Amino acid sequence: MTEWYAFDVKAKKKVKIQNPTFQKMKNGRWAVVGTSPETGIRVVRFLSKKEIEELKKKGLIKE
């Protein structure tokens, strides 16, 4: 599986997302949501349309 990175605002740096899950937000955008290994807070990384299409082909995202 792909390693996902997001910006941790508490640590002020990019961190690897622990326990990543794919969620569809209220506005219809997809995101990878997980926790930061540095501070333990919730981190979110929004996905591009290209990434969404690739994940749908792999079967990781179901609309």
C-alpha atoms as a PDB file:
ATOM      1  CA  MET A   1       0.000   0.000   0.000  1.00  0.00           C
ATOM      2  CA  THR A   2       1.090   3.544  -0.629  1.00  0.00           C
ATOM      3  CA  GLU A   3       2.586   5.633   2.127  1.00  0.00           C
ATOM      4  CA  TRP A   4       0.590   8.826   2.646  1.00  0.00           C
ATOM      5  CA  TYR A   5       2.034  12.055   4.020  1.00  0.00           C
ATOM      6  CA  ALA A   6       0.225  15.072   5.453  1.00  0.00           C
ATOM      7  CA  PHE A   7       1.174  18.291   7.210  1.00  0.00           C
ATOM      8  CA  ASP A   8       1.054  18.179  11.008  1.00  0.00           C
ATOM      9  CA  VAL A   9       0.245  21.699  12.231  1.00  0.00           C
ATOM     10  CA  LYS A  10       1.400  21.002  15.790  1.00  0.00           C
ATOM     11  CA  ALA A  11       4.789  19.595  14.743  1.00  0.00           C
ATOM     12  CA  LYS A  12       5.025  22.106  11.842  1.00  0.00           C
ATOM     13  CA  LYS A  13       6.259  19.495   9.371  1.00  0.00           C
ATOM     14  CA  LYS A  14       5.153  16.753   6.993  1.00  0.00           C
ATOM     15  CA  VAL A  15       4.573  13.393   8.640  1.00  0.00           C
ATOM     16  CA  LYS A  16       3.620   9.895   7.518  1.00  0.00           C
ATOM     17  CA  ILE A  17      -0.066   9.188   8.165  1.00  0.00           C
ATOM     18  CA  GLN A  18      -0.676   6.325  10.607  1.00  0.00           C
ATOM     19  CA  ASN A  19      -3.783   4.153  10.107  1.00  0.00           C
ATOM     20  CA  PRO A  20      -4.820   5.860   6.841  1.00  0.00           C
ATOM     21  CA  THR A  21      -8.461   5.592   5.787  1.00  0.00           C
ATOM     22  CA  PHE A  22     -10.243   7.038   2.769  1.00  0.00           C
ATOM     23  CA  GLN A  23     -13.186   9.277   3.572  1.00  0.00           C
ATOM     24  CA  LYS A  24     -15.558  11.287   1.422  1.00  0.00           C
ATOM     25  CA  MET A  25     -16.050  14.744   2.889  1.00  0.00           C
ATOM     26  CA  LYS A  26     -19.354  16.622   3.074  1.00  0.00           C
ATOM     27  CA  ASN A  27     -18.398  18.704   0.046  1.00  0.00           C
ATOM     28  CA  GLY A  28     -17.787  15.544  -2.039  1.00  0.00           C
ATOM     29  CA  ARG A  29     -13.985  15.576  -1.997  1.00  0.00           C
ATOM     30  CA  TRP A  30     -12.003  12.485  -1.044  1.00  0.00           C
ATOM     31  CA  ALA A  31      -9.302  12.593   1.608  1.00  0.00           C
ATOM     32  CA  VAL A  32      -6.896  10.330   3.434  1.00  0.00           C
ATOM     33  CA  VAL A  33      -7.462  10.671   7.172  1.00  0.00           C
ATOM     34  CA  GLY A  34      -5.286   9.293   9.935  1.00  0.00           C
ATOM     35  CA  THR A  35      -3.143  10.219  12.916  1.00  0.00           C
ATOM     36  CA  SER A  36       0.262  11.806  13.230  1.00  0.00           C
ATOM     37  CA  PRO A  37       3.041   9.692  14.780  1.00  0.00           C
ATOM     38  CA  GLU A  38       4.682  12.875  16.146  1.00  0.00           C
ATOM     39  CA  THR A  39       1.806  14.408  18.116  1.00  0.00           C
ATOM     40  CA  GLY A  40      -1.100  11.965  17.806  1.00  0.00           C
ATOM     41  CA  ILE A  41      -3.480  14.537  16.313  1.00  0.00           C
ATOM     42  CA  ARG A  42      -5.751  13.910  13.330  1.00  0.00           C
ATOM     43  CA  VAL A  43      -4.181  14.765   9.962  1.00  0.00           C
ATOM     44  CA  VAL A  44      -5.967  15.038   6.622  1.00  0.00           C
ATOM     45  CA  ARG A  45      -4.636  14.980   3.067  1.00  0.00           C
ATOM     46  CA  PHE A  46      -6.999  15.790   0.221  1.00  0.00           C
ATOM     47  CA  LEU A  47      -6.677  13.657  -2.913  1.00  0.00           C
ATOM     48  CA  SER A  48      -6.339  14.896  -6.472  1.00  0.00           C
ATOM     49  CA  LYS A  49      -8.684  13.699  -9.206  1.00  0.00           C
ATOM     50  CA  LYS A  50      -5.848  11.640 -10.696  1.00  0.00           C
ATOM     51  CA  GLU A  51      -5.194   9.885  -7.370  1.00  0.00           C
ATOM     52  CA  ILE A  52      -8.916   9.183  -6.929  1.00  0.00           C
ATOM     53  CA  GLU A  53      -9.147   7.537 -10.360  1.00  0.00           C
ATOM     54  CA  GLU A  54      -6.109   5.340  -9.631  1.00  0.00           C
ATOM     55  CA  LEU A  55      -7.546   4.260  -6.271  1.00  0.00           C
ATOM     56  CA  LYS A  56     -10.913   3.454  -7.859  1.00  0.00           C
ATOM     57  CA  LYS A  57      -9.162   1.220 -10.427  1.00  0.00           C
ATOM     58  CA  LYS A  58      -7.410  -0.617  -7.576  1.00  0.00           C
ATOM     59  CA  GLY A  59     -10.733  -0.991  -5.760  1.00  0.00           C
ATOM     60  CA  LEU A  60      -9.690   0.934  -2.652  1.00  0.00           C
ATOM     61  CA  ILE A  61     -12.391   3.606  -3.081  1.00  0.00           C
ATOM     62  CA  LYS A  62     -16.034   2.812  -3.682  1.00  0.00           C
ATOM     63  CA  GLU A  63     -18.290   5.667  -4.720  1.00  0.00           C
END
